[in-house]
N, C-alpha and C. Protein backbone atom coordinates (compact mmCIF):
# COMPACT_ATOMS: atom_id res chain seq x y z
N MET A 1 2.94 20.84 70.81
CA MET A 1 3.64 21.74 69.90
C MET A 1 3.81 23.08 70.61
N ASN A 2 5.06 23.53 70.74
CA ASN A 2 5.31 24.80 71.41
C ASN A 2 5.10 25.97 70.46
N PRO A 3 4.99 27.19 71.00
CA PRO A 3 4.71 28.36 70.15
C PRO A 3 5.75 28.57 69.06
N THR A 4 7.00 28.26 69.35
CA THR A 4 8.05 28.45 68.36
C THR A 4 7.87 27.50 67.18
N SER A 5 7.62 26.23 67.47
CA SER A 5 7.45 25.27 66.37
C SER A 5 6.18 25.55 65.59
N SER A 6 5.14 26.03 66.29
CA SER A 6 3.92 26.38 65.54
C SER A 6 4.18 27.60 64.67
N GLY A 7 5.08 28.51 65.11
CA GLY A 7 5.45 29.67 64.29
C GLY A 7 6.18 29.25 63.03
N HIS A 8 7.06 28.25 63.17
CA HIS A 8 7.78 27.74 62.01
C HIS A 8 6.81 27.09 61.02
N THR A 9 5.89 26.31 61.56
CA THR A 9 4.89 25.65 60.72
C THR A 9 4.02 26.70 60.02
N ALA A 10 3.66 27.75 60.75
CA ALA A 10 2.81 28.80 60.17
C ALA A 10 3.53 29.52 59.04
N ILE A 11 4.81 29.82 59.22
CA ILE A 11 5.57 30.49 58.15
C ILE A 11 5.67 29.59 56.93
N GLU A 12 5.96 28.32 57.17
CA GLU A 12 6.07 27.38 56.05
C GLU A 12 4.74 27.27 55.30
N GLN A 13 3.66 27.19 56.03
CA GLN A 13 2.33 27.10 55.41
C GLN A 13 2.00 28.39 54.64
N CYS A 14 2.37 29.51 55.21
CA CYS A 14 2.13 30.79 54.56
C CYS A 14 2.93 30.88 53.25
N LEU A 15 4.18 30.47 53.31
CA LEU A 15 5.00 30.47 52.10
C LEU A 15 4.41 29.56 51.02
N LYS A 16 3.90 28.42 51.45
CA LYS A 16 3.28 27.49 50.51
C LYS A 16 2.06 28.16 49.83
N GLU A 17 1.25 28.85 50.61
CA GLU A 17 0.09 29.56 50.05
C GLU A 17 0.52 30.68 49.11
N GLU A 18 1.62 31.35 49.47
CA GLU A 18 2.13 32.42 48.61
C GLU A 18 2.59 31.86 47.27
N VAL A 19 3.23 30.70 47.29
CA VAL A 19 3.68 30.07 46.04
C VAL A 19 2.48 29.72 45.17
N VAL A 20 1.45 29.16 45.76
CA VAL A 20 0.25 28.80 45.00
C VAL A 20 -0.40 30.05 44.40
N THR A 21 -0.51 31.10 45.21
CA THR A 21 -1.15 32.34 44.75
C THR A 21 -0.30 33.02 43.67
N MET A 22 1.01 33.06 43.87
CA MET A 22 1.88 33.69 42.89
C MET A 22 1.90 32.88 41.59
N SER A 23 1.79 31.57 41.69
CA SER A 23 1.69 30.73 40.48
C SER A 23 0.44 31.10 39.69
N SER A 24 -0.67 31.29 40.40
CA SER A 24 -1.91 31.69 39.74
C SER A 24 -1.77 33.06 39.09
N LEU A 25 -1.11 33.97 39.79
CA LEU A 25 -0.91 35.31 39.24
C LEU A 25 -0.01 35.27 38.00
N ALA A 26 1.06 34.50 38.07
CA ALA A 26 1.97 34.39 36.93
C ALA A 26 1.25 33.78 35.72
N GLU A 27 0.43 32.78 35.96
CA GLU A 27 -0.35 32.15 34.89
C GLU A 27 -1.34 33.16 34.29
N LEU A 28 -1.96 33.94 35.14
CA LEU A 28 -2.92 34.94 34.69
C LEU A 28 -2.24 36.02 33.85
N LEU A 29 -1.03 36.41 34.22
CA LEU A 29 -0.30 37.41 33.44
C LEU A 29 0.03 36.88 32.04
N LYS A 30 0.32 35.60 31.93
CA LYS A 30 0.54 34.99 30.60
C LYS A 30 -0.74 35.04 29.77
N LYS A 31 -1.87 34.73 30.40
CA LYS A 31 -3.15 34.78 29.70
C LYS A 31 -3.47 36.23 29.29
N GLU A 32 -3.17 37.15 30.18
CA GLU A 32 -3.40 38.57 29.88
C GLU A 32 -2.58 38.99 28.67
N GLN A 33 -1.36 38.50 28.59
CA GLN A 33 -0.48 38.80 27.47
C GLN A 33 -1.11 38.34 26.15
N SER A 34 -1.65 37.13 26.14
CA SER A 34 -2.31 36.61 24.94
C SER A 34 -3.54 37.44 24.59
N ALA A 35 -4.31 37.83 25.60
CA ALA A 35 -5.51 38.64 25.35
C ALA A 35 -5.12 40.02 24.81
N LEU A 36 -4.01 40.56 25.26
CA LEU A 36 -3.54 41.84 24.74
C LEU A 36 -3.14 41.72 23.27
N VAL A 37 -2.44 40.65 22.96
CA VAL A 37 -2.03 40.43 21.56
C VAL A 37 -3.26 40.24 20.67
N ASP A 38 -4.27 39.53 21.19
CA ASP A 38 -5.49 39.26 20.42
C ASP A 38 -6.52 40.39 20.51
N SER A 39 -6.24 41.41 21.31
CA SER A 39 -7.18 42.53 21.54
C SER A 39 -8.53 42.06 22.04
N ASP A 40 -8.54 41.10 22.93
CA ASP A 40 -9.78 40.56 23.49
C ASP A 40 -10.15 41.34 24.75
N VAL A 41 -10.95 42.38 24.56
CA VAL A 41 -11.30 43.30 25.65
C VAL A 41 -12.09 42.60 26.75
N ASN A 42 -12.98 41.69 26.38
CA ASN A 42 -13.77 40.99 27.40
C ASN A 42 -12.88 40.18 28.35
N LEU A 43 -11.94 39.45 27.78
CA LEU A 43 -11.03 38.67 28.62
C LEU A 43 -10.16 39.61 29.47
N LEU A 44 -9.71 40.71 28.88
CA LEU A 44 -8.87 41.65 29.62
C LEU A 44 -9.60 42.20 30.84
N ASN A 45 -10.87 42.50 30.69
CA ASN A 45 -11.65 42.98 31.83
C ASN A 45 -11.73 41.92 32.93
N ASP A 46 -11.97 40.68 32.55
CA ASP A 46 -12.02 39.58 33.52
C ASP A 46 -10.66 39.41 34.21
N TYR A 47 -9.59 39.45 33.42
CA TYR A 47 -8.26 39.24 33.96
C TYR A 47 -7.87 40.37 34.91
N THR A 48 -8.27 41.58 34.59
CA THR A 48 -7.94 42.72 35.46
C THR A 48 -8.56 42.54 36.84
N GLN A 49 -9.80 42.11 36.86
CA GLN A 49 -10.47 41.89 38.14
C GLN A 49 -9.80 40.75 38.92
N SER A 50 -9.52 39.66 38.25
CA SER A 50 -8.87 38.52 38.91
C SER A 50 -7.47 38.89 39.38
N LYS A 51 -6.77 39.66 38.58
CA LYS A 51 -5.41 40.07 38.95
C LYS A 51 -5.45 40.90 40.23
N GLY A 52 -6.40 41.80 40.34
CA GLY A 52 -6.54 42.62 41.55
C GLY A 52 -6.78 41.76 42.78
N GLN A 53 -7.61 40.74 42.63
CA GLN A 53 -7.89 39.85 43.76
C GLN A 53 -6.64 39.08 44.18
N LEU A 54 -5.88 38.59 43.21
CA LEU A 54 -4.68 37.83 43.52
C LEU A 54 -3.61 38.71 44.16
N VAL A 55 -3.46 39.92 43.67
CA VAL A 55 -2.49 40.84 44.26
C VAL A 55 -2.89 41.16 45.70
N GLY A 56 -4.18 41.35 45.93
CA GLY A 56 -4.67 41.59 47.29
C GLY A 56 -4.38 40.41 48.21
N LYS A 57 -4.58 39.20 47.70
CA LYS A 57 -4.31 38.01 48.51
C LYS A 57 -2.82 37.88 48.81
N MET A 58 -1.97 38.20 47.82
CA MET A 58 -0.52 38.15 48.04
C MET A 58 -0.12 39.13 49.13
N SER A 59 -0.71 40.30 49.11
CA SER A 59 -0.41 41.31 50.13
C SER A 59 -0.81 40.82 51.52
N GLU A 60 -1.97 40.21 51.62
CA GLU A 60 -2.43 39.66 52.91
C GLU A 60 -1.49 38.57 53.41
N LEU A 61 -1.08 37.69 52.52
CA LEU A 61 -0.19 36.60 52.91
C LEU A 61 1.17 37.13 53.35
N GLU A 62 1.67 38.14 52.68
CA GLU A 62 2.96 38.72 53.07
C GLU A 62 2.86 39.33 54.47
N LYS A 63 1.76 40.05 54.73
CA LYS A 63 1.56 40.63 56.07
C LYS A 63 1.50 39.53 57.13
N LYS A 64 0.81 38.46 56.80
CA LYS A 64 0.68 37.33 57.72
C LYS A 64 2.06 36.72 58.01
N ARG A 65 2.83 36.50 56.95
CA ARG A 65 4.18 35.93 57.11
C ARG A 65 5.06 36.85 57.94
N ASN A 66 4.97 38.15 57.67
CA ASN A 66 5.77 39.11 58.43
C ASN A 66 5.38 39.12 59.90
N ALA A 67 4.10 38.95 60.19
CA ALA A 67 3.64 38.88 61.58
C ALA A 67 4.23 37.65 62.28
N PHE A 68 4.26 36.53 61.57
CA PHE A 68 4.86 35.31 62.14
C PHE A 68 6.35 35.50 62.38
N LEU A 69 7.04 36.16 61.43
CA LEU A 69 8.46 36.43 61.61
C LEU A 69 8.69 37.26 62.87
N THR A 70 7.88 38.29 63.03
CA THR A 70 7.99 39.16 64.20
C THR A 70 7.77 38.38 65.49
N GLN A 71 6.77 37.50 65.50
CA GLN A 71 6.49 36.68 66.68
C GLN A 71 7.69 35.81 67.06
N LEU A 72 8.44 35.41 66.04
CA LEU A 72 9.61 34.56 66.30
C LEU A 72 10.87 35.39 66.58
N GLY A 73 10.73 36.73 66.57
CA GLY A 73 11.87 37.58 66.91
C GLY A 73 12.69 38.06 65.73
N TYR A 74 12.16 37.93 64.53
CA TYR A 74 12.87 38.39 63.34
C TYR A 74 12.23 39.68 62.82
N ARG A 75 13.01 40.41 62.06
CA ARG A 75 12.47 41.62 61.43
C ARG A 75 11.50 41.21 60.32
N ALA A 76 10.51 42.05 60.10
CA ALA A 76 9.49 41.77 59.09
C ALA A 76 9.91 42.38 57.75
N ASP A 77 11.04 41.91 57.23
CA ASP A 77 11.54 42.38 55.94
C ASP A 77 12.39 41.27 55.31
N LEU A 78 13.01 41.60 54.19
CA LEU A 78 13.80 40.60 53.47
C LEU A 78 14.97 40.09 54.31
N ASP A 79 15.64 40.99 55.01
CA ASP A 79 16.75 40.56 55.87
C ASP A 79 16.26 39.62 56.97
N GLY A 80 15.12 39.94 57.55
CA GLY A 80 14.54 39.08 58.58
C GLY A 80 14.18 37.71 58.03
N MET A 81 13.64 37.70 56.82
CA MET A 81 13.28 36.42 56.19
C MET A 81 14.53 35.59 55.93
N ASN A 82 15.57 36.23 55.43
CA ASN A 82 16.82 35.51 55.16
C ASN A 82 17.44 34.98 56.45
N ALA A 83 17.42 35.77 57.50
CA ALA A 83 17.94 35.31 58.80
C ALA A 83 17.12 34.14 59.32
N TYR A 84 15.81 34.25 59.17
CA TYR A 84 14.94 33.15 59.62
C TYR A 84 15.28 31.87 58.86
N LEU A 85 15.41 31.97 57.54
CA LEU A 85 15.68 30.78 56.73
C LEU A 85 17.01 30.13 57.10
N GLN A 86 18.03 30.95 57.37
CA GLN A 86 19.32 30.39 57.79
C GLN A 86 19.18 29.61 59.09
N GLN A 87 18.45 30.17 60.03
CA GLN A 87 18.27 29.51 61.33
C GLN A 87 17.37 28.28 61.18
N ALA A 88 16.29 28.41 60.41
CA ALA A 88 15.34 27.30 60.25
C ALA A 88 16.01 26.12 59.56
N ASP A 89 16.87 26.40 58.58
CA ASP A 89 17.58 25.32 57.88
C ASP A 89 18.58 24.63 58.81
N SER A 90 19.23 25.40 59.65
CA SER A 90 20.28 24.82 60.50
C SER A 90 19.71 23.89 61.58
N VAL A 91 18.49 24.15 62.01
CA VAL A 91 17.90 23.27 63.03
C VAL A 91 16.75 22.45 62.48
N ASP A 92 16.51 22.57 61.19
CA ASP A 92 15.49 21.77 60.50
C ASP A 92 14.08 21.95 61.08
N ASN A 93 13.77 23.21 61.46
CA ASN A 93 12.43 23.50 61.98
C ASN A 93 11.37 23.61 60.88
N ALA A 94 11.78 24.07 59.74
CA ALA A 94 10.85 24.25 58.62
C ALA A 94 11.55 23.75 57.37
N PRO A 95 11.53 22.44 57.17
CA PRO A 95 12.36 21.84 56.11
C PRO A 95 12.03 22.33 54.69
N ASN A 96 10.80 22.76 54.46
CA ASN A 96 10.44 23.19 53.11
C ASN A 96 10.40 24.70 52.94
N ALA A 97 10.68 25.44 53.99
CA ALA A 97 10.58 26.90 53.92
C ALA A 97 11.50 27.49 52.86
N THR A 98 12.74 27.03 52.82
CA THR A 98 13.69 27.55 51.84
C THR A 98 13.25 27.20 50.42
N LEU A 99 12.76 26.00 50.23
CA LEU A 99 12.26 25.57 48.92
C LEU A 99 11.11 26.48 48.48
N TYR A 100 10.14 26.70 49.37
CA TYR A 100 9.00 27.56 49.04
C TYR A 100 9.46 28.99 48.78
N TRP A 101 10.38 29.47 49.59
CA TRP A 101 10.88 30.84 49.41
C TRP A 101 11.55 31.01 48.05
N ASP A 102 12.39 30.04 47.68
CA ASP A 102 13.06 30.10 46.38
C ASP A 102 12.05 30.06 45.24
N GLN A 103 11.04 29.21 45.36
CA GLN A 103 9.99 29.16 44.34
C GLN A 103 9.25 30.49 44.26
N LEU A 104 8.96 31.07 45.40
CA LEU A 104 8.25 32.35 45.44
C LEU A 104 9.07 33.45 44.76
N LEU A 105 10.36 33.49 45.04
CA LEU A 105 11.22 34.49 44.41
C LEU A 105 11.29 34.30 42.89
N GLN A 106 11.40 33.06 42.45
CA GLN A 106 11.44 32.78 41.00
C GLN A 106 10.13 33.19 40.33
N LEU A 107 9.02 32.81 40.92
CA LEU A 107 7.72 33.16 40.37
C LEU A 107 7.51 34.68 40.36
N SER A 108 7.97 35.33 41.39
CA SER A 108 7.84 36.79 41.48
C SER A 108 8.63 37.48 40.38
N MET A 109 9.85 36.99 40.13
CA MET A 109 10.67 37.57 39.06
C MET A 109 10.00 37.37 37.70
N GLN A 110 9.47 36.18 37.46
CA GLN A 110 8.79 35.91 36.19
C GLN A 110 7.55 36.78 36.05
N ALA A 111 6.78 36.90 37.11
CA ALA A 111 5.56 37.72 37.08
C ALA A 111 5.92 39.19 36.82
N LYS A 112 6.99 39.64 37.41
CA LYS A 112 7.43 41.03 37.21
C LYS A 112 7.77 41.26 35.73
N GLU A 113 8.49 40.34 35.13
CA GLU A 113 8.85 40.46 33.71
C GLU A 113 7.61 40.41 32.82
N ASP A 114 6.71 39.50 33.12
CA ASP A 114 5.48 39.40 32.32
C ASP A 114 4.63 40.65 32.47
N ASN A 115 4.57 41.19 33.67
CA ASN A 115 3.81 42.41 33.90
C ASN A 115 4.43 43.58 33.12
N LYS A 116 5.75 43.62 33.08
CA LYS A 116 6.46 44.66 32.31
C LYS A 116 6.15 44.52 30.82
N THR A 117 6.18 43.30 30.32
CA THR A 117 5.86 43.04 28.92
C THR A 117 4.42 43.46 28.62
N ASN A 118 3.51 43.12 29.51
CA ASN A 118 2.10 43.50 29.32
C ASN A 118 1.95 45.02 29.30
N GLY A 119 2.69 45.70 30.15
CA GLY A 119 2.67 47.16 30.15
C GLY A 119 3.15 47.73 28.82
N LEU A 120 4.19 47.13 28.26
CA LEU A 120 4.68 47.57 26.95
C LEU A 120 3.64 47.32 25.86
N LEU A 121 2.97 46.18 25.92
CA LEU A 121 1.92 45.89 24.95
C LEU A 121 0.76 46.88 25.07
N ILE A 122 0.41 47.22 26.29
CA ILE A 122 -0.67 48.19 26.51
C ILE A 122 -0.26 49.56 25.97
N ASN A 123 0.98 49.97 26.25
CA ASN A 123 1.44 51.26 25.75
C ASN A 123 1.49 51.30 24.23
N ARG A 124 1.91 50.21 23.61
CA ARG A 124 1.93 50.15 22.14
C ARG A 124 0.52 50.25 21.58
N ARG A 125 -0.42 49.53 22.17
CA ARG A 125 -1.81 49.57 21.72
C ARG A 125 -2.39 50.97 21.91
N LEU A 126 -2.05 51.60 23.03
CA LEU A 126 -2.51 52.96 23.31
C LEU A 126 -1.97 53.94 22.28
N ALA A 127 -0.69 53.82 21.95
CA ALA A 127 -0.08 54.70 20.94
C ALA A 127 -0.75 54.51 19.58
N GLN A 128 -1.05 53.26 19.22
CA GLN A 128 -1.75 53.00 17.95
C GLN A 128 -3.14 53.63 17.96
N SER A 129 -3.83 53.49 19.06
CA SER A 129 -5.18 54.06 19.17
C SER A 129 -5.12 55.58 19.11
N GLN A 130 -4.14 56.17 19.77
CA GLN A 130 -3.99 57.63 19.72
C GLN A 130 -3.70 58.10 18.30
N ALA A 131 -2.86 57.37 17.58
CA ALA A 131 -2.54 57.74 16.20
C ALA A 131 -3.78 57.64 15.31
N MET A 132 -4.56 56.58 15.48
CA MET A 132 -5.78 56.43 14.67
C MET A 132 -6.79 57.53 15.01
N LEU A 133 -6.91 57.86 16.28
CA LEU A 133 -7.82 58.91 16.71
C LEU A 133 -7.39 60.25 16.12
N SER A 134 -6.10 60.50 16.11
CA SER A 134 -5.58 61.74 15.55
C SER A 134 -5.91 61.84 14.07
N VAL A 135 -5.74 60.75 13.33
CA VAL A 135 -6.07 60.74 11.90
C VAL A 135 -7.56 61.00 11.70
N LEU A 136 -8.38 60.36 12.51
CA LEU A 136 -9.82 60.57 12.39
C LEU A 136 -10.21 62.00 12.71
N GLN A 137 -9.58 62.59 13.71
CA GLN A 137 -9.90 63.96 14.08
C GLN A 137 -9.46 64.93 12.99
N GLN A 138 -8.33 64.68 12.35
CA GLN A 138 -7.87 65.54 11.26
C GLN A 138 -8.83 65.46 10.08
N GLY A 139 -9.27 64.27 9.77
CA GLY A 139 -10.23 64.10 8.67
C GLY A 139 -11.56 64.74 9.02
N ASN A 140 -11.95 64.68 10.26
CA ASN A 140 -13.21 65.26 10.70
C ASN A 140 -13.17 66.78 10.68
N GLN A 141 -12.00 67.39 10.96
CA GLN A 141 -11.88 68.84 10.93
C GLN A 141 -12.13 69.37 9.53
N ALA A 142 -11.61 68.70 8.52
CA ALA A 142 -11.83 69.15 7.14
C ALA A 142 -13.30 69.00 6.77
N ALA A 143 -13.93 67.93 7.21
CA ALA A 143 -15.33 67.70 6.88
C ALA A 143 -16.25 68.65 7.63
N SER A 144 -15.81 69.11 8.79
CA SER A 144 -16.69 69.97 9.58
C SER A 144 -16.49 71.45 9.28
N SER A 145 -15.52 71.81 8.41
CA SER A 145 -15.35 73.22 8.09
C SER A 145 -16.53 73.68 7.24
N PRO A 146 -16.92 74.95 7.38
CA PRO A 146 -18.12 75.43 6.68
C PRO A 146 -17.97 75.35 5.16
N MET A 147 -19.05 75.03 4.51
CA MET A 147 -19.04 74.95 3.04
C MET A 147 -19.25 76.32 2.41
N TYR A 148 -19.74 77.27 3.19
CA TYR A 148 -20.01 78.61 2.67
C TYR A 148 -19.27 79.62 3.53
N GLY A 149 -18.68 80.61 2.87
CA GLY A 149 -17.95 81.67 3.57
C GLY A 149 -18.92 82.73 4.08
N PRO A 150 -18.38 83.76 4.74
CA PRO A 150 -19.21 84.81 5.30
C PRO A 150 -20.01 85.58 4.24
N ASN A 151 -19.53 85.57 3.00
CA ASN A 151 -20.24 86.27 1.93
C ASN A 151 -21.32 85.41 1.28
N GLY A 152 -21.51 84.21 1.80
CA GLY A 152 -22.54 83.33 1.26
C GLY A 152 -22.09 82.51 0.08
N GLN A 153 -20.86 82.70 -0.36
CA GLN A 153 -20.32 81.97 -1.51
C GLN A 153 -19.68 80.66 -1.05
N SER A 154 -19.67 79.71 -1.92
CA SER A 154 -19.10 78.40 -1.61
C SER A 154 -17.61 78.53 -1.32
N THR A 155 -17.16 77.83 -0.29
CA THR A 155 -15.73 77.80 0.02
C THR A 155 -15.05 76.62 -0.67
N ILE A 156 -15.85 75.74 -1.26
CA ILE A 156 -15.28 74.60 -1.97
C ILE A 156 -14.91 75.08 -3.35
N LYS A 157 -13.66 74.93 -3.70
CA LYS A 157 -13.16 75.43 -4.98
C LYS A 157 -13.45 74.41 -6.06
N GLY A 158 -13.96 74.92 -7.13
CA GLY A 158 -14.18 74.05 -8.28
C GLY A 158 -12.89 73.89 -9.04
N THR A 159 -12.74 72.79 -9.71
CA THR A 159 -11.55 72.58 -10.52
C THR A 159 -11.99 72.44 -11.95
N SER A 160 -11.20 73.02 -12.80
CA SER A 160 -11.56 72.87 -14.21
C SER A 160 -10.83 71.65 -14.75
N GLY A 161 -11.53 70.87 -15.43
CA GLY A 161 -10.98 69.69 -16.04
C GLY A 161 -11.58 69.56 -17.41
N LYS A 162 -11.21 68.60 -18.15
CA LYS A 162 -11.74 68.42 -19.48
C LYS A 162 -13.24 68.33 -19.42
N GLY A 163 -13.87 69.15 -20.15
CA GLY A 163 -15.34 69.10 -20.22
C GLY A 163 -16.04 69.84 -19.10
N TYR A 164 -15.28 70.42 -18.20
CA TYR A 164 -15.90 71.14 -17.08
C TYR A 164 -15.56 72.61 -17.19
N ILE A 165 -16.46 73.40 -16.80
CA ILE A 165 -16.25 74.86 -16.80
C ILE A 165 -16.06 75.25 -15.35
N ALA A 166 -15.03 76.03 -15.09
CA ALA A 166 -14.78 76.47 -13.72
C ALA A 166 -15.81 77.51 -13.32
N THR A 167 -16.27 77.50 -12.09
CA THR A 167 -17.25 78.47 -11.62
C THR A 167 -16.62 79.52 -10.75
C-alpha cells in the first residue's frame, strides 16, 4: 500500500468515525431536549458533560482529517475536502468517502438545529425563572420593610371594618 492510498483509506476511516461520533452527538441533543422539557436537572448535567466530550472528539477527528488532506496535497478546509472528494470519486480511491461526508453534513445540520432549539428552551426556562425570582423578591421587599417607623409607631395601617375600631 503506497502512502497515497493509505492517505485515502485514512480519510475514509476518519470520516466514518466522524459520522459515528456526530450520530452520538445528534442523539444526545435529542435526549437533552427531552430533559429540558421535563426539567430533569440531573440528566442535563450528565448530558452536558457527555456533549463536551463528543464535541472534543469531533474537533480531534476534524484536525486529523485535515492533516490527512494536507498530506495528500489538499487544503485543510471545506474547499480542500470538496476537491479531494471529486478526485477520490473519479479514480475510486475512497469509494465511501462521499457517502460518509454527505452523512456527516446531514447529521451536522440536524445537530445544529437541535442545539438551536435547546438554546431556545434554555432561554425560555431562564426567563421563567427570572420572572419567578422577580415576583419573590418583590414580595420579600414588602415583608422585609420595618413594622415600626422612626417614631416607634406601627407602620402597618389598621383598617376599620364592621365591628372593628380603627387605631
